[in-house]
N, C-alpha and C. Protein backbone atom coordinates (compact mmCIF):
# COMPACT_ATOMS: atom_id res chain seq x y z
N MET A 1 -117.49 -38.56 66.24
CA MET A 1 -116.85 -37.29 66.57
C MET A 1 -115.51 -37.21 65.88
N ARG A 2 -115.21 -36.08 65.28
CA ARG A 2 -113.99 -35.90 64.51
C ARG A 2 -112.86 -35.41 65.40
N ASP A 3 -111.66 -35.93 65.14
CA ASP A 3 -110.46 -35.49 65.86
C ASP A 3 -109.98 -34.17 65.27
N THR A 4 -109.77 -33.16 66.10
CA THR A 4 -109.24 -31.88 65.61
C THR A 4 -107.87 -31.67 66.21
N PRO A 5 -106.98 -30.99 65.49
CA PRO A 5 -105.61 -30.83 65.95
C PRO A 5 -105.46 -29.82 67.09
N GLY A 6 -106.47 -29.06 67.37
CA GLY A 6 -106.36 -28.04 68.40
C GLY A 6 -106.65 -28.56 69.79
N TYR A 7 -106.78 -27.63 70.73
CA TYR A 7 -107.06 -27.99 72.11
C TYR A 7 -107.71 -26.82 72.81
N THR A 8 -108.41 -27.11 73.89
CA THR A 8 -108.99 -26.07 74.73
C THR A 8 -108.05 -25.88 75.90
N CYS A 9 -107.55 -24.66 76.04
CA CYS A 9 -106.55 -24.33 77.05
C CYS A 9 -107.19 -24.28 78.44
N VAL A 10 -106.60 -25.02 79.40
CA VAL A 10 -107.14 -25.01 80.76
C VAL A 10 -106.83 -23.70 81.48
N THR A 11 -105.84 -22.95 81.00
CA THR A 11 -105.47 -21.70 81.65
C THR A 11 -106.42 -20.55 81.27
N CYS A 12 -106.69 -20.41 79.96
CA CYS A 12 -107.52 -19.28 79.52
C CYS A 12 -108.92 -19.71 79.06
N GLY A 13 -109.13 -21.02 78.90
CA GLY A 13 -110.44 -21.52 78.49
C GLY A 13 -110.74 -21.38 77.01
N ARG A 14 -109.81 -20.81 76.24
CA ARG A 14 -110.04 -20.62 74.80
C ARG A 14 -109.59 -21.83 74.00
N ARG A 15 -110.20 -21.97 72.84
CA ARG A 15 -109.81 -23.03 71.90
C ARG A 15 -108.68 -22.50 71.03
N HIS A 16 -107.59 -23.25 70.95
CA HIS A 16 -106.46 -22.91 70.09
C HIS A 16 -106.45 -23.91 68.93
N ASP A 17 -106.18 -23.42 67.73
CA ASP A 17 -106.33 -24.23 66.53
C ASP A 17 -105.29 -25.33 66.37
N GLU A 18 -104.14 -25.18 66.98
CA GLU A 18 -103.13 -26.21 66.81
C GLU A 18 -102.42 -26.51 68.12
N LEU A 19 -101.89 -27.70 68.21
CA LEU A 19 -101.09 -28.12 69.34
C LEU A 19 -99.67 -28.34 68.80
N PRO A 20 -98.78 -27.35 68.99
CA PRO A 20 -97.44 -27.46 68.41
C PRO A 20 -96.66 -28.65 68.96
N LEU A 21 -95.92 -29.31 68.07
CA LEU A 21 -95.06 -30.42 68.45
C LEU A 21 -93.60 -30.01 68.47
N SER A 22 -93.33 -28.72 68.32
CA SER A 22 -91.94 -28.26 68.40
C SER A 22 -91.90 -26.79 68.79
N TYR A 23 -90.81 -26.45 69.45
CA TYR A 23 -90.52 -25.06 69.84
C TYR A 23 -89.03 -24.85 69.62
N ARG A 24 -88.66 -23.66 69.22
CA ARG A 24 -87.27 -23.35 68.92
C ARG A 24 -86.85 -22.09 69.65
N THR A 25 -85.66 -22.09 70.20
CA THR A 25 -85.13 -20.89 70.83
C THR A 25 -84.24 -20.15 69.83
N GLN A 26 -84.23 -18.84 69.93
CA GLN A 26 -83.53 -18.02 68.95
C GLN A 26 -82.03 -17.93 69.17
N ALA A 27 -81.58 -18.11 70.41
CA ALA A 27 -80.16 -17.93 70.72
C ALA A 27 -79.81 -18.72 71.97
N PRO A 28 -78.52 -19.02 72.15
CA PRO A 28 -78.11 -19.65 73.40
C PRO A 28 -78.44 -18.75 74.59
N ALA A 29 -78.58 -19.33 75.75
CA ALA A 29 -78.91 -18.57 76.97
C ALA A 29 -77.87 -17.49 77.26
N PHE A 30 -76.66 -17.69 76.78
CA PHE A 30 -75.56 -16.77 77.08
C PHE A 30 -75.46 -15.60 76.10
N TRP A 31 -76.30 -15.57 75.08
CA TRP A 31 -76.32 -14.49 74.09
C TRP A 31 -77.02 -13.27 74.67
N SER A 32 -76.54 -12.10 74.30
CA SER A 32 -77.22 -10.86 74.67
C SER A 32 -77.21 -9.93 73.47
N GLU A 33 -78.11 -8.99 73.45
CA GLU A 33 -78.21 -8.07 72.32
C GLU A 33 -76.94 -7.24 72.14
N GLU A 34 -76.21 -6.98 73.23
CA GLU A 34 -74.96 -6.23 73.12
C GLU A 34 -73.94 -6.98 72.25
N LEU A 35 -74.02 -8.30 72.26
CA LEU A 35 -73.07 -9.10 71.48
C LEU A 35 -73.31 -8.96 69.97
N ALA A 36 -74.50 -8.59 69.57
CA ALA A 36 -74.81 -8.48 68.14
C ALA A 36 -73.91 -7.46 67.44
N ALA A 37 -73.47 -6.46 68.16
CA ALA A 37 -72.61 -5.43 67.57
C ALA A 37 -71.13 -5.75 67.70
N ALA A 38 -70.78 -6.78 68.44
CA ALA A 38 -69.37 -7.12 68.66
C ALA A 38 -68.79 -7.84 67.45
N ASP A 39 -67.59 -7.43 67.04
CA ASP A 39 -66.93 -8.03 65.88
C ASP A 39 -66.58 -9.50 66.08
N ASP A 40 -66.40 -9.91 67.31
CA ASP A 40 -65.99 -11.29 67.59
C ASP A 40 -67.16 -12.19 67.99
N SER A 41 -68.38 -11.74 67.72
CA SER A 41 -69.58 -12.52 68.04
C SER A 41 -70.51 -12.54 66.85
N GLU A 42 -71.20 -13.67 66.68
CA GLU A 42 -72.13 -13.81 65.56
C GLU A 42 -73.22 -14.81 65.93
N LEU A 43 -74.43 -14.52 65.49
CA LEU A 43 -75.56 -15.41 65.69
C LEU A 43 -76.28 -15.59 64.37
N THR A 44 -76.39 -16.85 63.92
CA THR A 44 -77.19 -17.19 62.75
C THR A 44 -78.28 -18.14 63.23
N PRO A 45 -79.20 -18.54 62.37
CA PRO A 45 -80.22 -19.50 62.82
C PRO A 45 -79.64 -20.87 63.23
N ASP A 46 -78.41 -21.18 62.83
CA ASP A 46 -77.83 -22.49 63.10
C ASP A 46 -76.60 -22.48 63.98
N LEU A 47 -75.83 -21.40 63.94
CA LEU A 47 -74.54 -21.34 64.61
C LEU A 47 -74.40 -20.05 65.40
N CYS A 48 -73.55 -20.10 66.44
CA CYS A 48 -73.32 -18.91 67.25
C CYS A 48 -71.89 -18.94 67.77
N VAL A 49 -71.25 -17.76 67.74
CA VAL A 49 -69.93 -17.57 68.34
C VAL A 49 -70.06 -16.38 69.28
N ILE A 50 -69.56 -16.53 70.50
CA ILE A 50 -69.57 -15.44 71.47
C ILE A 50 -68.13 -15.11 71.83
N ARG A 51 -67.77 -13.86 71.55
CA ARG A 51 -66.45 -13.32 71.88
C ARG A 51 -65.30 -14.15 71.32
N GLY A 52 -65.55 -14.86 70.23
CA GLY A 52 -64.52 -15.67 69.59
C GLY A 52 -64.03 -16.83 70.45
N GLU A 53 -64.72 -17.08 71.58
CA GLU A 53 -64.26 -18.10 72.53
C GLU A 53 -65.28 -19.18 72.84
N HIS A 54 -66.55 -18.91 72.61
CA HIS A 54 -67.61 -19.85 72.95
C HIS A 54 -68.40 -20.16 71.67
N PHE A 55 -68.62 -21.44 71.41
CA PHE A 55 -69.15 -21.88 70.13
C PHE A 55 -70.39 -22.75 70.36
N PHE A 56 -71.42 -22.50 69.56
CA PHE A 56 -72.71 -23.17 69.75
C PHE A 56 -73.29 -23.59 68.41
N VAL A 57 -74.05 -24.66 68.44
CA VAL A 57 -74.81 -25.12 67.29
C VAL A 57 -76.24 -25.36 67.76
N GLN A 58 -77.20 -25.08 66.87
CA GLN A 58 -78.58 -25.38 67.23
C GLN A 58 -78.95 -26.75 66.70
N GLY A 59 -79.65 -27.51 67.53
CA GLY A 59 -80.08 -28.84 67.13
C GLY A 59 -81.45 -29.15 67.67
N ASN A 60 -81.94 -30.33 67.37
CA ASN A 60 -83.25 -30.77 67.82
C ASN A 60 -83.11 -31.82 68.90
N LEU A 61 -83.68 -31.52 70.05
CA LEU A 61 -83.74 -32.47 71.15
C LEU A 61 -85.13 -33.10 71.05
N GLU A 62 -85.17 -34.33 70.58
CA GLU A 62 -86.44 -34.98 70.28
C GLU A 62 -86.86 -35.91 71.40
N ILE A 63 -88.15 -35.90 71.68
CA ILE A 63 -88.74 -36.75 72.70
C ILE A 63 -89.83 -37.57 72.04
N PRO A 64 -89.75 -38.90 72.12
CA PRO A 64 -90.78 -39.72 71.47
C PRO A 64 -92.14 -39.54 72.15
N LEU A 65 -93.19 -39.63 71.34
CA LEU A 65 -94.56 -39.57 71.86
C LEU A 65 -95.02 -41.00 72.16
N ARG A 66 -95.55 -41.21 73.35
CA ARG A 66 -95.99 -42.55 73.75
C ARG A 66 -97.40 -42.89 73.24
N ASP A 67 -98.23 -41.88 73.03
CA ASP A 67 -99.61 -42.15 72.65
C ASP A 67 -100.00 -41.54 71.30
N ALA A 68 -98.99 -41.23 70.49
CA ALA A 68 -99.23 -40.70 69.15
C ALA A 68 -97.98 -41.00 68.31
N GLU A 69 -98.12 -40.89 67.01
CA GLU A 69 -96.97 -41.11 66.14
C GLU A 69 -96.09 -39.88 66.14
N GLY A 70 -94.79 -40.09 66.01
CA GLY A 70 -93.86 -38.98 65.87
C GLY A 70 -93.16 -38.61 67.15
N THR A 71 -92.63 -37.39 67.14
CA THR A 71 -91.86 -36.90 68.27
C THR A 71 -92.23 -35.46 68.59
N PHE A 72 -91.92 -35.06 69.79
CA PHE A 72 -91.97 -33.67 70.22
C PHE A 72 -90.53 -33.18 70.15
N SER A 73 -90.31 -31.93 69.74
CA SER A 73 -88.95 -31.45 69.54
C SER A 73 -88.72 -30.07 70.15
N TRP A 74 -87.64 -29.98 70.92
CA TRP A 74 -87.15 -28.69 71.39
C TRP A 74 -86.00 -28.29 70.48
N GLY A 75 -86.03 -27.09 69.90
CA GLY A 75 -84.90 -26.55 69.16
C GLY A 75 -83.99 -25.87 70.17
N VAL A 76 -82.86 -26.50 70.47
CA VAL A 76 -81.98 -26.04 71.54
C VAL A 76 -80.60 -25.71 71.01
N TRP A 77 -79.85 -25.00 71.83
CA TRP A 77 -78.46 -24.68 71.54
C TRP A 77 -77.55 -25.51 72.43
N VAL A 78 -76.45 -25.95 71.85
CA VAL A 78 -75.46 -26.75 72.57
C VAL A 78 -74.09 -26.14 72.32
N SER A 79 -73.30 -26.00 73.38
CA SER A 79 -71.93 -25.51 73.20
C SER A 79 -71.05 -26.66 72.72
N LEU A 80 -70.12 -26.33 71.86
CA LEU A 80 -69.14 -27.30 71.36
C LEU A 80 -67.74 -26.77 71.62
N SER A 81 -66.78 -27.65 71.67
CA SER A 81 -65.39 -27.21 71.75
C SER A 81 -65.04 -26.48 70.45
N ALA A 82 -63.97 -25.70 70.48
CA ALA A 82 -63.53 -24.98 69.27
C ALA A 82 -63.25 -25.98 68.15
N ALA A 83 -62.62 -27.10 68.47
CA ALA A 83 -62.28 -28.09 67.44
C ALA A 83 -63.53 -28.71 66.83
N ASN A 84 -64.49 -29.10 67.67
CA ASN A 84 -65.72 -29.71 67.15
C ASN A 84 -66.58 -28.70 66.40
N PHE A 85 -66.58 -27.45 66.84
CA PHE A 85 -67.31 -26.41 66.12
C PHE A 85 -66.67 -26.21 64.75
N GLY A 86 -65.34 -26.14 64.71
CA GLY A 86 -64.64 -26.00 63.43
C GLY A 86 -64.95 -27.13 62.48
N ARG A 87 -64.99 -28.34 63.02
CA ARG A 87 -65.32 -29.51 62.20
C ARG A 87 -66.77 -29.43 61.70
N THR A 88 -67.67 -29.00 62.56
CA THR A 88 -69.08 -28.83 62.17
C THR A 88 -69.18 -27.85 61.00
N VAL A 89 -68.53 -26.71 61.12
CA VAL A 89 -68.58 -25.69 60.07
C VAL A 89 -67.93 -26.22 58.79
N GLN A 90 -66.80 -26.92 58.93
CA GLN A 90 -66.09 -27.48 57.78
C GLN A 90 -66.97 -28.44 56.99
N LEU A 91 -67.78 -29.23 57.70
CA LEU A 91 -68.62 -30.24 57.05
C LEU A 91 -70.05 -29.79 56.77
N TRP A 92 -70.37 -28.52 57.03
CA TRP A 92 -71.74 -28.03 56.99
C TRP A 92 -72.47 -28.40 55.70
N GLU A 93 -71.83 -28.30 54.57
CA GLU A 93 -72.47 -28.59 53.27
C GLU A 93 -71.93 -29.86 52.63
N THR A 94 -71.30 -30.73 53.41
CA THR A 94 -70.66 -31.93 52.88
C THR A 94 -71.59 -33.14 52.97
N PRO A 95 -71.96 -33.72 51.82
CA PRO A 95 -72.77 -34.94 51.86
C PRO A 95 -72.02 -36.04 52.63
N GLY A 96 -72.76 -36.82 53.39
CA GLY A 96 -72.15 -37.89 54.17
C GLY A 96 -71.68 -37.45 55.55
N ARG A 97 -71.90 -36.18 55.87
CA ARG A 97 -71.43 -35.66 57.17
C ARG A 97 -72.05 -36.40 58.35
N GLU A 98 -73.19 -37.06 58.14
CA GLU A 98 -73.85 -37.78 59.22
C GLU A 98 -73.05 -38.98 59.72
N SER A 99 -71.97 -39.34 59.02
CA SER A 99 -71.13 -40.44 59.49
C SER A 99 -70.13 -39.98 60.55
N GLU A 100 -70.11 -38.69 60.87
CA GLU A 100 -69.25 -38.17 61.94
C GLU A 100 -69.64 -38.79 63.28
N PRO A 101 -68.68 -39.06 64.14
CA PRO A 101 -69.06 -39.49 65.49
C PRO A 101 -69.74 -38.33 66.21
N PRO A 102 -70.54 -38.61 67.25
CA PRO A 102 -71.19 -37.51 67.97
C PRO A 102 -70.16 -36.64 68.68
N TYR A 103 -70.52 -35.37 68.84
CA TYR A 103 -69.68 -34.41 69.55
C TYR A 103 -70.25 -34.20 70.94
N PHE A 104 -69.36 -34.08 71.93
CA PHE A 104 -69.80 -33.74 73.27
C PHE A 104 -70.17 -32.27 73.32
N GLY A 105 -71.19 -31.93 74.08
CA GLY A 105 -71.56 -30.53 74.26
C GLY A 105 -72.33 -30.32 75.55
N TRP A 106 -72.49 -29.06 75.93
CA TRP A 106 -73.27 -28.67 77.10
C TRP A 106 -74.54 -27.99 76.62
N LEU A 107 -75.69 -28.43 77.12
CA LEU A 107 -76.94 -27.79 76.74
C LEU A 107 -76.89 -26.33 77.16
N SER A 108 -77.19 -25.44 76.24
CA SER A 108 -77.08 -24.00 76.47
C SER A 108 -78.40 -23.28 76.27
N THR A 109 -79.48 -24.00 76.53
CA THR A 109 -80.84 -23.46 76.46
C THR A 109 -81.53 -23.79 77.77
N GLU A 110 -82.15 -22.77 78.35
CA GLU A 110 -82.94 -22.99 79.56
C GLU A 110 -84.37 -23.32 79.15
N LEU A 111 -84.80 -24.51 79.48
CA LEU A 111 -86.18 -24.93 79.23
C LEU A 111 -86.88 -24.89 80.59
N PRO A 112 -87.66 -23.85 80.87
CA PRO A 112 -88.15 -23.60 82.22
C PRO A 112 -89.29 -24.50 82.70
N LEU A 113 -89.63 -25.51 81.95
CA LEU A 113 -90.80 -26.32 82.29
C LEU A 113 -90.46 -27.61 83.03
N TYR A 114 -89.22 -27.80 83.40
CA TYR A 114 -88.80 -29.07 83.98
C TYR A 114 -88.56 -29.02 85.48
N GLY A 115 -88.80 -27.89 86.12
CA GLY A 115 -88.68 -27.80 87.57
C GLY A 115 -87.26 -27.56 88.06
N VAL A 116 -86.27 -27.92 87.26
CA VAL A 116 -84.87 -27.65 87.55
C VAL A 116 -84.21 -27.15 86.27
N SER A 117 -83.11 -26.46 86.42
CA SER A 117 -82.44 -25.88 85.26
C SER A 117 -81.99 -26.95 84.26
N THR A 118 -82.09 -26.63 83.00
CA THR A 118 -81.58 -27.50 81.95
C THR A 118 -80.23 -27.02 81.44
N LEU A 119 -79.79 -25.86 81.89
CA LEU A 119 -78.49 -25.34 81.44
C LEU A 119 -77.36 -26.27 81.87
N GLU A 120 -76.48 -26.50 80.92
CA GLU A 120 -75.24 -27.25 81.14
C GLU A 120 -75.45 -28.73 81.44
N LEU A 121 -76.57 -29.28 80.96
CA LEU A 121 -76.69 -30.73 80.96
C LEU A 121 -75.72 -31.27 79.91
N LYS A 122 -75.11 -32.41 80.19
CA LYS A 122 -74.20 -33.03 79.24
C LYS A 122 -75.00 -33.61 78.08
N THR A 123 -74.49 -33.42 76.86
CA THR A 123 -75.18 -33.90 75.66
C THR A 123 -74.20 -34.52 74.67
N HIS A 124 -74.77 -35.22 73.71
CA HIS A 124 -74.04 -35.66 72.52
C HIS A 124 -74.80 -35.10 71.33
N VAL A 125 -74.06 -34.49 70.43
CA VAL A 125 -74.64 -33.87 69.24
C VAL A 125 -74.35 -34.78 68.05
N HIS A 126 -75.42 -35.30 67.44
CA HIS A 126 -75.31 -36.23 66.33
C HIS A 126 -75.56 -35.46 65.03
N THR A 127 -74.55 -35.40 64.18
CA THR A 127 -74.68 -34.72 62.89
C THR A 127 -75.63 -35.52 62.01
N ARG A 128 -76.47 -34.78 61.30
CA ARG A 128 -77.44 -35.40 60.38
C ARG A 128 -77.09 -34.97 58.95
N PRO A 129 -77.81 -35.52 57.96
CA PRO A 129 -77.53 -35.15 56.57
C PRO A 129 -77.66 -33.64 56.33
N VAL A 130 -76.99 -33.18 55.30
CA VAL A 130 -77.02 -31.76 54.92
C VAL A 130 -78.47 -31.29 54.85
N GLY A 131 -78.73 -30.13 55.45
CA GLY A 131 -80.06 -29.55 55.46
C GLY A 131 -80.87 -29.90 56.70
N GLU A 132 -80.37 -30.82 57.52
CA GLU A 132 -81.07 -31.20 58.75
C GLU A 132 -80.27 -30.75 59.97
N LYS A 133 -80.97 -30.22 60.95
CA LYS A 133 -80.31 -29.82 62.19
C LYS A 133 -79.81 -31.07 62.92
N PRO A 134 -78.72 -30.93 63.68
CA PRO A 134 -78.22 -32.08 64.45
C PRO A 134 -79.25 -32.57 65.47
N ALA A 135 -79.12 -33.83 65.84
CA ALA A 135 -79.93 -34.40 66.91
C ALA A 135 -79.16 -34.25 68.21
N VAL A 136 -79.84 -33.79 69.26
CA VAL A 136 -79.21 -33.58 70.56
C VAL A 136 -79.71 -34.66 71.51
N GLU A 137 -78.78 -35.41 72.06
CA GLU A 137 -79.09 -36.47 73.00
C GLU A 137 -78.57 -36.07 74.38
N VAL A 138 -79.47 -35.98 75.34
CA VAL A 138 -79.08 -35.64 76.71
C VAL A 138 -78.51 -36.89 77.37
N GLU A 139 -77.41 -36.67 78.12
CA GLU A 139 -76.83 -37.80 78.85
C GLU A 139 -77.89 -38.42 79.76
N PRO A 140 -78.00 -39.75 79.79
CA PRO A 140 -79.03 -40.39 80.60
C PRO A 140 -78.76 -40.22 82.10
N THR A 141 -79.53 -39.35 82.71
CA THR A 141 -79.46 -39.11 84.16
C THR A 141 -80.89 -39.14 84.69
N ASP A 142 -81.06 -38.72 85.93
CA ASP A 142 -82.41 -38.64 86.49
C ASP A 142 -83.04 -37.26 86.30
N HIS A 143 -82.39 -36.37 85.54
CA HIS A 143 -82.98 -35.06 85.23
C HIS A 143 -84.27 -35.30 84.45
N PRO A 144 -85.35 -34.57 84.76
CA PRO A 144 -86.64 -34.79 84.08
C PRO A 144 -86.56 -34.72 82.56
N LEU A 145 -85.71 -33.87 82.00
CA LEU A 145 -85.58 -33.79 80.54
C LEU A 145 -84.94 -35.06 80.00
N ALA A 146 -83.91 -35.54 80.67
CA ALA A 146 -83.24 -36.78 80.24
C ALA A 146 -84.19 -37.97 80.35
N VAL A 147 -84.97 -38.01 81.41
CA VAL A 147 -85.94 -39.09 81.59
C VAL A 147 -86.98 -39.03 80.47
N ALA A 148 -87.48 -37.84 80.18
CA ALA A 148 -88.48 -37.70 79.10
C ALA A 148 -87.91 -38.15 77.77
N GLN A 149 -86.65 -37.81 77.50
CA GLN A 149 -86.07 -38.20 76.21
C GLN A 149 -85.95 -39.73 76.12
N ARG A 150 -85.69 -40.39 77.22
CA ARG A 150 -85.56 -41.85 77.23
C ARG A 150 -86.91 -42.56 77.22
N THR A 151 -87.88 -42.03 77.97
CA THR A 151 -89.13 -42.77 78.17
C THR A 151 -90.30 -42.22 77.36
N GLY A 152 -90.17 -41.01 76.82
CA GLY A 152 -91.22 -40.43 76.01
C GLY A 152 -92.18 -39.57 76.83
N MET A 153 -93.13 -39.00 76.12
CA MET A 153 -94.13 -38.14 76.72
C MET A 153 -95.46 -38.38 76.03
N THR A 154 -96.53 -37.88 76.64
CA THR A 154 -97.87 -38.06 76.08
C THR A 154 -98.33 -36.77 75.43
N MET A 155 -99.42 -36.86 74.70
CA MET A 155 -100.01 -35.67 74.10
C MET A 155 -100.54 -34.74 75.19
N ALA A 156 -100.92 -35.27 76.34
CA ALA A 156 -101.33 -34.42 77.47
C ALA A 156 -100.13 -33.60 77.96
N ASP A 157 -98.93 -34.20 77.94
CA ASP A 157 -97.72 -33.46 78.29
C ASP A 157 -97.47 -32.34 77.27
N VAL A 158 -97.67 -32.64 76.00
CA VAL A 158 -97.49 -31.64 74.94
C VAL A 158 -98.46 -30.48 75.16
N GLN A 159 -99.70 -30.79 75.53
CA GLN A 159 -100.69 -29.74 75.78
C GLN A 159 -100.28 -28.89 76.98
N ARG A 160 -99.79 -29.53 78.05
CA ARG A 160 -99.33 -28.77 79.23
C ARG A 160 -98.20 -27.81 78.85
N ILE A 161 -97.29 -28.27 78.00
CA ILE A 161 -96.19 -27.40 77.55
C ILE A 161 -96.76 -26.21 76.78
N ALA A 162 -97.68 -26.47 75.86
CA ALA A 162 -98.28 -25.39 75.07
C ALA A 162 -98.97 -24.38 75.98
N GLU A 163 -99.71 -24.87 76.96
CA GLU A 163 -100.43 -23.96 77.88
C GLU A 163 -99.44 -23.13 78.69
N GLN A 164 -98.37 -23.73 79.17
CA GLN A 164 -97.40 -22.99 79.97
C GLN A 164 -96.62 -21.98 79.13
N LEU A 165 -96.29 -22.34 77.89
CA LEU A 165 -95.56 -21.39 77.03
C LEU A 165 -96.47 -20.27 76.54
N ARG A 166 -97.74 -20.57 76.34
CA ARG A 166 -98.70 -19.55 75.91
C ARG A 166 -99.04 -18.59 77.04
N HIS A 167 -98.91 -19.06 78.27
CA HIS A 167 -99.25 -18.25 79.44
C HIS A 167 -98.08 -18.27 80.44
N PRO A 168 -96.97 -17.61 80.09
CA PRO A 168 -95.77 -17.69 80.94
C PRO A 168 -95.98 -17.12 82.35
N GLU A 169 -96.97 -16.27 82.52
CA GLU A 169 -97.22 -15.68 83.85
C GLU A 169 -97.67 -16.75 84.86
N THR A 170 -98.12 -17.90 84.38
CA THR A 170 -98.57 -18.95 85.27
C THR A 170 -97.50 -20.03 85.47
N ARG A 171 -96.37 -19.88 84.79
CA ARG A 171 -95.32 -20.90 84.83
C ARG A 171 -94.43 -20.72 86.05
N PRO A 172 -94.17 -21.80 86.78
CA PRO A 172 -93.23 -21.69 87.92
C PRO A 172 -91.80 -21.53 87.40
N GLU A 173 -90.99 -20.83 88.16
CA GLU A 173 -89.57 -20.67 87.81
C GLU A 173 -88.82 -21.95 88.14
N PRO A 174 -87.78 -22.28 87.32
CA PRO A 174 -87.01 -23.49 87.63
C PRO A 174 -86.23 -23.30 88.92
N ALA A 175 -86.04 -24.39 89.64
CA ALA A 175 -85.24 -24.36 90.87
C ALA A 175 -83.77 -24.34 90.49
N GLY A 176 -82.95 -23.70 91.31
CA GLY A 176 -81.49 -23.63 91.18
C GLY A 176 -80.97 -24.39 90.10
């Protein structure tokens, strides 16, 4: 029997051709469409400024796979201090930027699949080589996302995520 990259969804019963190993959010949770017209706010695929006071970078929060090669990745937004955001922008195209120490940040993406809010979890943002998004490391706590990042997840977990994101009407809301 041949291994296929797809899966049969337990929610709708249909066969889907691929099982995604990454998802990306378009903007920090605090972004709104009204901000798009504001002179002091900007959103790009990598960086975001809100009202000239709040600064964000998009990075990859990677979770190792326990029963397959590679990682699962959430494309998330993290807030940075004005100084660290300025440094990030200053080094954006600078070779060797990955030698920067990690920056502290607050997770600014709500990932609704963990049963509790992921907003404002403490993180460290690790700069990577030019052309690569930063790596986001969640502070090691007992939060389900932090535990998953430390201990890994299975391909069955990846399938559950795909099913819940494909069928949001069946997804439970995160608790407080």
